[in-house]
Amino acid sequence: MKIFKVCHACDRIIGEIELDDLTSQNSDPIMDIVGNVAYALCTNCLHEMETKPRIIYH
């Protein structure tokens, strides 16, 4: 069975994956599965949300 992989933030379809791939040891633990949709972050949204440590001098 195929499941759509959709971005949490921008709702862009990232691709599709097999149900067997989700139950294997190599599955992505961050994915949320709702019905026939697996939600994750696409690379663009992940890059935009990435936080970098700020250097603060006192």
C-alpha atoms as a PDB file:
ATOM      1  CA  MET A   1       0.000   0.000   0.000  1.00  0.00           C
ATOM      2  CA  LYS A   2       1.353   3.428  -0.946  1.00  0.00           C
ATOM      3  CA  ILE A   3       1.249   6.319   1.526  1.00  0.00           C
ATOM      4  CA  PHE A   4       1.750   9.967   0.563  1.00  0.00           C
ATOM      5  CA  LYS A   5       4.552  11.820   2.331  1.00  0.00           C
ATOM      6  CA  VAL A   6       3.516  15.450   2.913  1.00  0.00           C
ATOM      7  CA  CYS A   7       5.356  18.378   4.516  1.00  0.00           C
ATOM      8  CA  HIS A   8       3.958  19.512   7.902  1.00  0.00           C
ATOM      9  CA  ALA A   9       4.666  23.185   7.245  1.00  0.00           C
ATOM     10  CA  CYS A  10       3.947  23.889   3.569  1.00  0.00           C
ATOM     11  CA  ASP A  11       1.684  20.895   2.710  1.00  0.00           C
ATOM     12  CA  ARG A  12       3.845  20.071  -0.317  1.00  0.00           C
ATOM     13  CA  ILE A  13       3.800  16.438  -1.407  1.00  0.00           C
ATOM     14  CA  ILE A  14       7.326  15.160  -0.838  1.00  0.00           C
ATOM     15  CA  GLY A  15       6.731  11.738  -2.348  1.00  0.00           C
ATOM     16  CA  GLU A  16       5.188   8.408  -1.576  1.00  0.00           C
ATOM     17  CA  ILE A  17       6.401   5.471   0.426  1.00  0.00           C
ATOM     18  CA  GLU A  18       5.398   1.873   0.885  1.00  0.00           C
ATOM     19  CA  LEU A  19       3.718   0.809   4.104  1.00  0.00           C
ATOM     20  CA  ASP A  20       6.400  -1.879   4.492  1.00  0.00           C
ATOM     21  CA  ASP A  21       9.083   0.842   4.587  1.00  0.00           C
ATOM     22  CA  LEU A  22       7.363   2.445   7.594  1.00  0.00           C
ATOM     23  CA  THR A  23       7.411  -0.740   9.632  1.00  0.00           C
ATOM     24  CA  SER A  24      11.074  -1.548   8.938  1.00  0.00           C
ATOM     25  CA  GLN A  25      13.999  -0.616  11.183  1.00  0.00           C
ATOM     26  CA  ASN A  26      14.995   2.223   8.805  1.00  0.00           C
ATOM     27  CA  SER A  27      11.796   4.248   9.227  1.00  0.00           C
ATOM     28  CA  ASP A  28      11.957   7.942  10.083  1.00  0.00           C
ATOM     29  CA  PRO A  29      10.929   8.384  13.751  1.00  0.00           C
ATOM     30  CA  ILE A  30       9.867  12.009  13.169  1.00  0.00           C
ATOM     31  CA  MET A  31       7.110  11.074  10.685  1.00  0.00           C
ATOM     32  CA  ASP A  32       3.520  11.331  11.896  1.00  0.00           C
ATOM     33  CA  ILE A  33       1.156   8.940  10.142  1.00  0.00           C
ATOM     34  CA  VAL A  34      -2.510   9.907   9.821  1.00  0.00           C
ATOM     35  CA  GLY A  35      -4.587   7.630   7.612  1.00  0.00           C
ATOM     36  CA  ASN A  36      -2.857   7.344   4.248  1.00  0.00           C
ATOM     37  CA  VAL A  37      -0.586  10.347   4.839  1.00  0.00           C
ATOM     38  CA  ALA A  38       2.836  10.451   6.501  1.00  0.00           C
ATOM     39  CA  TYR A  39       3.720  13.964   7.651  1.00  0.00           C
ATOM     40  CA  ALA A  40       7.350  15.090   7.796  1.00  0.00           C
ATOM     41  CA  LEU A  41       9.298  18.259   6.974  1.00  0.00           C
ATOM     42  CA  CYS A  42      10.637  18.887   3.477  1.00  0.00           C
ATOM     43  CA  THR A  43      14.246  20.009   3.150  1.00  0.00           C
ATOM     44  CA  ASN A  44      13.301  23.651   2.422  1.00  0.00           C
ATOM     45  CA  CYS A  45      11.116  24.010   5.526  1.00  0.00           C
ATOM     46  CA  LEU A  46      13.623  22.114   7.641  1.00  0.00           C
ATOM     47  CA  HIS A  47      16.365  24.514   6.529  1.00  0.00           C
ATOM     48  CA  GLU A  48      14.179  27.577   7.261  1.00  0.00           C
ATOM     49  CA  MET A  49      13.252  26.291  10.721  1.00  0.00           C
ATOM     50  CA  GLU A  50      16.787  25.327  11.641  1.00  0.00           C
ATOM     51  CA  THR A  51      18.027  27.326  14.580  1.00  0.00           C
ATOM     52  CA  LYS A  52      21.614  28.372  14.802  1.00  0.00           C
ATOM     53  CA  PRO A  53      23.275  29.243  18.089  1.00  0.00           C
ATOM     54  CA  ARG A  54      23.593  32.951  18.610  1.00  0.00           C
ATOM     55  CA  ILE A  55      26.782  34.341  20.012  1.00  0.00           C
ATOM     56  CA  ILE A  56      26.062  36.893  22.742  1.00  0.00           C
ATOM     57  CA  TYR A  57      28.859  38.990  24.138  1.00  0.00           C
ATOM     58  CA  HIS A  58      28.310  40.762  27.467  1.00  0.00           C
END
